[in-house]
Amino acid sequence: MVGQVTATRSPGCVEVDAGDRVVTASLLTMTDAVRAGDWVLMHSGMVLGLLTEQEAKDALKLRSSPTTG
């Protein structure tokens, strides 16, 4: 899941706007600082990495594209 950090929460957690919902995600796996406005890649409630704005837009575009088969 891709989202944009909207706020920091309790130590080690951030609030992330993931489009259709807002989630609280853990920073346990992150060594880089994560701040409000950052784009992140998440899975199972954990932030796995930082994304550039362009990477995030590309990922969201792929996710919203209808699949062809």
PDB file of N, CA and C in Angstrom:
ATOM      1  N   MET A   1       0.841  -1.161   0.000  1.00  0.00           N
ATOM      2  CA  MET A   1       0.000   0.000   0.000  1.00  0.00           C
ATOM      3  C   MET A   1       0.896   1.238   0.000  1.00  0.00           C
ATOM      4  N   VAL A   2       0.509   2.215  -0.760  1.00  0.00           N
ATOM      5  CA  VAL A   2       1.244   3.472  -0.848  1.00  0.00           C
ATOM      6  C   VAL A   2       0.411   4.567  -0.191  1.00  0.00           C
ATOM      7  N   GLY A   3       1.055   5.426   0.572  1.00  0.00           N
ATOM      8  CA  GLY A   3       0.336   6.525   1.200  1.00  0.00           C
ATOM      9  C   GLY A   3       1.274   7.658   1.564  1.00  0.00           C
ATOM     10  N   GLN A   4       0.648   8.754   2.004  1.00  0.00           N
ATOM     11  CA  GLN A   4       1.418   9.934   2.396  1.00  0.00           C
ATOM     12  C   GLN A   4       1.258  10.153   3.898  1.00  0.00           C
ATOM     13  N   VAL A   5       2.375  10.351   4.571  1.00  0.00           N
ATOM     14  CA  VAL A   5       2.377  10.567   6.015  1.00  0.00           C
ATOM     15  C   VAL A   5       1.717  11.915   6.308  1.00  0.00           C
ATOM     16  N   THR A   6       0.737  11.892   7.215  1.00  0.00           N
ATOM     17  CA  THR A   6       0.048  13.125   7.588  1.00  0.00           C
ATOM     18  C   THR A   6       0.476  13.628   8.961  1.00  0.00           C
ATOM     19  N   ALA A   7       0.941  12.717   9.825  1.00  0.00           N
ATOM     20  CA  ALA A   7       1.347  13.127  11.172  1.00  0.00           C
ATOM     21  C   ALA A   7       2.161  12.021  11.821  1.00  0.00           C
ATOM     22  N   THR A   8       2.971  12.430  12.805  1.00  0.00           N
ATOM     23  CA  THR A   8       3.658  11.441  13.630  1.00  0.00           C
ATOM     24  C   THR A   8       2.777  11.182  14.847  1.00  0.00           C
ATOM     25  N   ARG A   9       2.785   9.971  15.313  1.00  0.00           N
ATOM     26  CA  ARG A   9       1.970   9.576  16.460  1.00  0.00           C
ATOM     27  C   ARG A   9       2.894   9.165  17.594  1.00  0.00           C
ATOM     28  N   SER A  10       2.454   8.263  18.411  1.00  0.00           N
ATOM     29  CA  SER A  10       3.284   7.799  19.516  1.00  0.00           C
ATOM     30  C   SER A  10       4.658   7.443  18.962  1.00  0.00           C
ATOM     31  N   PRO A  11       5.679   7.431  19.802  1.00  0.00           N
ATOM     32  CA  PRO A  11       7.020   7.135  19.285  1.00  0.00           C
ATOM     33  C   PRO A  11       7.026   5.886  18.406  1.00  0.00           C
ATOM     34  N   GLY A  12       7.557   6.060  17.198  1.00  0.00           N
ATOM     35  CA  GLY A  12       7.681   4.931  16.305  1.00  0.00           C
ATOM     36  C   GLY A  12       6.476   4.658  15.425  1.00  0.00           C
ATOM     37  N   CYS A  13       5.502   5.579  15.406  1.00  0.00           N
ATOM     38  CA  CYS A  13       4.313   5.396  14.567  1.00  0.00           C
ATOM     39  C   CYS A  13       3.989   6.672  13.809  1.00  0.00           C
ATOM     40  N   VAL A  14       3.391   6.503  12.649  1.00  0.00           N
ATOM     41  CA  VAL A  14       2.930   7.638  11.852  1.00  0.00           C
ATOM     42  C   VAL A  14       1.509   7.374  11.379  1.00  0.00           C
ATOM     43  N   GLU A  15       0.802   8.463  11.095  1.00  0.00           N
ATOM     44  CA  GLU A  15      -0.521   8.377  10.494  1.00  0.00           C
ATOM     45  C   GLU A  15      -0.335   8.559   8.993  1.00  0.00           C
ATOM     46  N   VAL A  16      -0.941   7.674   8.209  1.00  0.00           N
ATOM     47  CA  VAL A  16      -0.736   7.687   6.762  1.00  0.00           C
ATOM     48  C   VAL A  16      -2.076   7.740   6.046  1.00  0.00           C
ATOM     49  N   ASP A  17      -2.198   8.698   5.126  1.00  0.00           N
ATOM     50  CA  ASP A  17      -3.373   8.791   4.264  1.00  0.00           C
ATOM     51  C   ASP A  17      -3.133   7.868   3.083  1.00  0.00           C
ATOM     52  N   ALA A  18      -3.912   6.785   3.041  1.00  0.00           N
ATOM     53  CA  ALA A  18      -3.757   5.789   1.983  1.00  0.00           C
ATOM     54  C   ALA A  18      -4.897   5.876   0.974  1.00  0.00           C
ATOM     55  N   GLY A  19      -5.400   7.075   0.754  1.00  0.00           N
ATOM     56  CA  GLY A  19      -6.443   7.291  -0.231  1.00  0.00           C
ATOM     57  C   GLY A  19      -7.828   7.037   0.314  1.00  0.00           C
ATOM     58  N   ASP A  20      -8.233   5.784   0.416  1.00  0.00           N
ATOM     59  CA  ASP A  20      -9.571   5.455   0.874  1.00  0.00           C
ATOM     60  C   ASP A  20      -9.656   5.287   2.390  1.00  0.00           C
ATOM     61  N   ARG A  21      -8.522   5.413   3.075  1.00  0.00           N
ATOM     62  CA  ARG A  21      -8.513   5.296   4.535  1.00  0.00           C
ATOM     63  C   ARG A  21      -7.256   5.923   5.118  1.00  0.00           C
ATOM     64  N   VAL A  22      -7.323   6.196   6.410  1.00  0.00           N
ATOM     65  CA  VAL A  22      -6.169   6.697   7.152  1.00  0.00           C
ATOM     66  C   VAL A  22      -5.765   5.602   8.123  1.00  0.00           C
ATOM     67  N   VAL A  23      -4.484   5.244   8.107  1.00  0.00           N
ATOM     68  CA  VAL A  23      -4.003   4.160   8.957  1.00  0.00           C
ATOM     69  C   VAL A  23      -2.833   4.631   9.819  1.00  0.00           C
ATOM     70  N   THR A  24      -2.653   3.960  10.934  1.00  0.00           N
ATOM     71  CA  THR A  24      -1.474   4.175  11.765  1.00  0.00           C
ATOM     72  C   THR A  24      -0.498   3.056  11.431  1.00  0.00           C
ATOM     73  N   ALA A  25       0.737   3.433  11.121  1.00  0.00           N
ATOM     74  CA  ALA A  25       1.732   2.452  10.704  1.00  0.00           C
ATOM     75  C   ALA A  25       2.981   2.557  11.571  1.00  0.00           C
ATOM     76  N   SER A  26       3.606   1.431  11.800  1.00  0.00           N
ATOM     77  CA  SER A  26       4.810   1.345  12.615  1.00  0.00           C
ATOM     78  C   SER A  26       6.050   1.693  11.790  1.00  0.00           C
ATOM     79  N   LEU A  27       7.010   2.327  12.447  1.00  0.00           N
ATOM     80  CA  LEU A  27       8.297   2.658  11.825  1.00  0.00           C
ATOM     81  C   LEU A  27       9.397   1.694  12.263  1.00  0.00           C
ATOM     82  N   LEU A  28       9.029   0.573  12.847  1.00  0.00           N
ATOM     83  CA  LEU A  28       9.984  -0.377  13.393  1.00  0.00           C
ATOM     84  C   LEU A  28      11.048  -0.806  12.384  1.00  0.00           C
ATOM     85  N   THR A  29      10.691  -0.937  11.120  1.00  0.00           N
ATOM     86  CA  THR A  29      11.645  -1.415  10.112  1.00  0.00           C
ATOM     87  C   THR A  29      12.457  -0.294   9.469  1.00  0.00           C
ATOM     88  N   MET A  30      12.163   0.951   9.826  1.00  0.00           N
ATOM     89  CA  MET A  30      12.812   2.088   9.161  1.00  0.00           C
ATOM     90  C   MET A  30      14.045   2.572   9.923  1.00  0.00           C
ATOM     91  N   THR A  31      15.103   2.858   9.159  1.00  0.00           N
ATOM     92  CA  THR A  31      16.280   3.489   9.751  1.00  0.00           C
ATOM     93  C   THR A  31      16.339   4.957   9.361  1.00  0.00           C
ATOM     94  N   ASP A  32      15.657   5.317   8.264  1.00  0.00           N
ATOM     95  CA  ASP A  32      15.592   6.718   7.827  1.00  0.00           C
ATOM     96  C   ASP A  32      14.493   7.452   8.582  1.00  0.00           C
ATOM     97  N   ALA A  33      14.670   8.760   8.749  1.00  0.00           N
ATOM     98  CA  ALA A  33      13.634   9.579   9.378  1.00  0.00           C
ATOM     99  C   ALA A  33      12.427   9.665   8.448  1.00  0.00           C
ATOM    100  N   VAL A  34      11.252   9.603   9.024  1.00  0.00           N
ATOM    101  CA  VAL A  34      10.005   9.711   8.271  1.00  0.00           C
ATOM    102  C   VAL A  34       9.228  10.878   8.858  1.00  0.00           C
ATOM    103  N   ARG A  35       8.810  11.799   7.986  1.00  0.00           N
ATOM    104  CA  ARG A  35       8.141  13.028   8.427  1.00  0.00           C
ATOM    105  C   ARG A  35       6.821  13.219   7.688  1.00  0.00           C
ATOM    106  N   ALA A  36       6.001  14.100   8.237  1.00  0.00           N
ATOM    107  CA  ALA A  36       4.748  14.453   7.574  1.00  0.00           C
ATOM    108  C   ALA A  36       5.065  14.954   6.163  1.00  0.00           C
ATOM    109  N   GLY A  37       4.286  14.498   5.206  1.00  0.00           N
ATOM    110  CA  GLY A  37       4.502  14.869   3.806  1.00  0.00           C
ATOM    111  C   GLY A  37       5.253  13.823   3.012  1.00  0.00           C
ATOM    112  N   ASP A  38       5.975  12.934   3.711  1.00  0.00           N
ATOM    113  CA  ASP A  38       6.709  11.863   3.017  1.00  0.00           C
ATOM    114  C   ASP A  38       5.744  10.846   2.427  1.00  0.00           C
ATOM    115  N   TRP A  39       6.111  10.268   1.303  1.00  0.00           N
ATOM    116  CA  TRP A  39       5.385   9.163   0.698  1.00  0.00           C
ATOM    117  C   TRP A  39       6.054   7.875   1.131  1.00  0.00           C
ATOM    118  N   VAL A  40       5.244   6.876   1.496  1.00  0.00           N
ATOM    119  CA  VAL A  40       5.798   5.632   2.015  1.00  0.00           C
ATOM    120  C   VAL A  40       5.123   4.415   1.382  1.00  0.00           C
ATOM    121  N   LEU A  41       5.851   3.313   1.419  1.00  0.00           N
ATOM    122  CA  LEU A  41       5.339   2.009   1.024  1.00  0.00           C
ATOM    123  C   LEU A  41       5.100   1.229   2.312  1.00  0.00           C
ATOM    124  N   MET A  42       3.888   0.678   2.472  1.00  0.00           N
ATOM    125  CA  MET A  42       3.533  -0.035   3.694  1.00  0.00           C
ATOM    126  C   MET A  42       3.035  -1.437   3.368  1.00  0.00           C
ATOM    127  N   HIS A  43       3.176  -2.304   4.371  1.00  0.00           N
ATOM    128  CA  HIS A  43       2.599  -3.644   4.287  1.00  0.00           C
ATOM    129  C   HIS A  43       2.345  -4.134   5.704  1.00  0.00           C
ATOM    130  N   SER A  44       1.172  -4.664   5.942  1.00  0.00           N
ATOM    131  CA  SER A  44       0.811  -5.232   7.253  1.00  0.00           C
ATOM    132  C   SER A  44       1.077  -4.269   8.403  1.00  0.00           C
ATOM    133  N   GLY A  45       0.758  -2.994   8.205  1.00  0.00           N
ATOM    134  CA  GLY A  45       0.900  -2.011   9.270  1.00  0.00           C
ATOM    135  C   GLY A  45       2.307  -1.533   9.530  1.00  0.00           C
ATOM    136  N   MET A  46       3.238  -1.867   8.635  1.00  0.00           N
ATOM    137  CA  MET A  46       4.632  -1.458   8.796  1.00  0.00           C
ATOM    138  C   MET A  46       5.051  -0.604   7.601  1.00  0.00           C
ATOM    139  N   VAL A  47       5.749   0.489   7.870  1.00  0.00           N
ATOM    140  CA  VAL A  47       6.345   1.269   6.791  1.00  0.00           C
ATOM    141  C   VAL A  47       7.608   0.539   6.366  1.00  0.00           C
ATOM    142  N   LEU A  48       7.676   0.196   5.088  1.00  0.00           N
ATOM    143  CA  LEU A  48       8.826  -0.559   4.571  1.00  0.00           C
ATOM    144  C   LEU A  48       9.853   0.322   3.881  1.00  0.00           C
ATOM    145  N   GLY A  49       9.435   1.486   3.390  1.00  0.00           N
ATOM    146  CA  GLY A  49      10.386   2.339   2.702  1.00  0.00           C
ATOM    147  C   GLY A  49       9.780   3.666   2.309  1.00  0.00           C
ATOM    148  N   LEU A  50      10.670   4.606   2.022  1.00  0.00           N
ATOM    149  CA  LEU A  50      10.278   5.918   1.529  1.00  0.00           C
ATOM    150  C   LEU A  50      10.215   5.897   0.007  1.00  0.00           C
ATOM    151  N   LEU A  51       9.294   6.651  -0.556  1.00  0.00           N
ATOM    152  CA  LEU A  51       9.163   6.795  -1.997  1.00  0.00           C
ATOM    153  C   LEU A  51       9.271   8.265  -2.366  1.00  0.00           C
ATOM    154  N   THR A  52       9.744   8.523  -3.578  1.00  0.00           N
ATOM    155  CA  THR A  52       9.666   9.889  -4.070  1.00  0.00           C
ATOM    156  C   THR A  52       8.210  10.145  -4.449  1.00  0.00           C
ATOM    157  N   GLU A  53       7.849  11.395  -4.628  1.00  0.00           N
ATOM    158  CA  GLU A  53       6.487  11.711  -5.036  1.00  0.00           C
ATOM    159  C   GLU A  53       6.162  11.057  -6.376  1.00  0.00           C
ATOM    160  N   GLN A  54       7.123  11.059  -7.296  1.00  0.00           N
ATOM    161  CA  GLN A  54       6.889  10.455  -8.608  1.00  0.00           C
ATOM    162  C   GLN A  54       6.708   8.948  -8.504  1.00  0.00           C
ATOM    163  N   GLU A  55       7.517   8.286  -7.681  1.00  0.00           N
ATOM    164  CA  GLU A  55       7.362   6.845  -7.481  1.00  0.00           C
ATOM    165  C   GLU A  55       5.980   6.526  -6.908  1.00  0.00           C
ATOM    166  N   ALA A  56       5.548   7.341  -5.954  1.00  0.00           N
ATOM    167  CA  ALA A  56       4.235   7.127  -5.345  1.00  0.00           C
ATOM    168  C   ALA A  56       3.128   7.310  -6.378  1.00  0.00           C
ATOM    169  N   LYS A  57       3.208   8.365  -7.173  1.00  0.00           N
ATOM    170  CA  LYS A  57       2.195   8.607  -8.208  1.00  0.00           C
ATOM    171  C   LYS A  57       2.168   7.476  -9.220  1.00  0.00           C
ATOM    172  N   ASP A  58       3.333   6.992  -9.620  1.00  0.00           N
ATOM    173  CA  ASP A  58       3.398   5.872 -10.574  1.00  0.00           C
ATOM    174  C   ASP A  58       2.757   4.621  -9.980  1.00  0.00           C
ATOM    175  N   ALA A  59       3.047   4.338  -8.702  1.00  0.00           N
ATOM    176  CA  ALA A  59       2.489   3.156  -8.047  1.00  0.00           C
ATOM    177  C   ALA A  59       0.971   3.273  -7.917  1.00  0.00           C
ATOM    178  N   LEU A  60       0.498   4.453  -7.549  1.00  0.00           N
ATOM    179  CA  LEU A  60      -0.945   4.650  -7.424  1.00  0.00           C
ATOM    180  C   LEU A  60      -1.641   4.552  -8.775  1.00  0.00           C
ATOM    181  N   LYS A  61      -0.980   5.037  -9.801  1.00  0.00           N
ATOM    182  CA  LYS A  61      -1.542   4.942 -11.155  1.00  0.00           C
ATOM    183  C   LYS A  61      -1.655   3.481 -11.581  1.00  0.00           C
ATOM    184  N   LEU A  62      -0.620   2.695 -11.315  1.00  0.00           N
ATOM    185  CA  LEU A  62      -0.656   1.265 -11.643  1.00  0.00           C
ATOM    186  C   LEU A  62      -1.769   0.554 -10.885  1.00  0.00           C
ATOM    187  N   ARG A  63      -1.920   0.910  -9.622  1.00  0.00           N
ATOM    188  CA  ARG A  63      -2.934   0.265  -8.800  1.00  0.00           C
ATOM    189  C   ARG A  63      -4.343   0.571  -9.282  1.00  0.00           C
ATOM    190  N   SER A  64      -4.554   1.784  -9.821  1.00  0.00           N
ATOM    191  CA  SER A  64      -5.885   2.165 -10.266  1.00  0.00           C
ATOM    192  C   SER A  64      -6.178   1.768 -11.698  1.00  0.00           C
ATOM    193  N   SER A  65      -5.176   1.286 -12.427  1.00  0.00           N
ATOM    194  CA  SER A  65      -5.357   0.878 -13.822  1.00  0.00           C
ATOM    195  C   SER A  65      -6.107  -0.447 -13.889  1.00  0.00           C
ATOM    196  N   PRO A  66      -7.053  -0.532 -14.811  1.00  0.00           N
ATOM    197  CA  PRO A  66      -7.732  -1.828 -14.978  1.00  0.00           C
ATOM    198  C   PRO A  66      -6.738  -2.832 -15.574  1.00  0.00           C
ATOM    199  N   THR A  67      -6.831  -4.047 -15.117  1.00  0.00           N
ATOM    200  CA  THR A  67      -5.934  -5.084 -15.637  1.00  0.00           C
ATOM    201  C   THR A  67      -6.490  -5.631 -16.940  1.00  0.00           C
ATOM    202  N   THR A  68      -5.591  -6.004 -17.799  1.00  0.00           N
ATOM    203  CA  THR A  68      -6.011  -6.618 -19.056  1.00  0.00           C
ATOM    204  C   THR A  68      -5.559  -8.063 -19.037  1.00  0.00           C
ATOM    205  N   GLY A  69      -6.296  -8.896 -19.617  1.00  0.00           N
ATOM    206  CA  GLY A  69      -5.896 -10.289 -19.533  1.00  0.00           C
ATOM    207  C   GLY A  69      -6.260 -10.974 -20.735  1.00  0.00           C
TER     208      GLY A  69
END
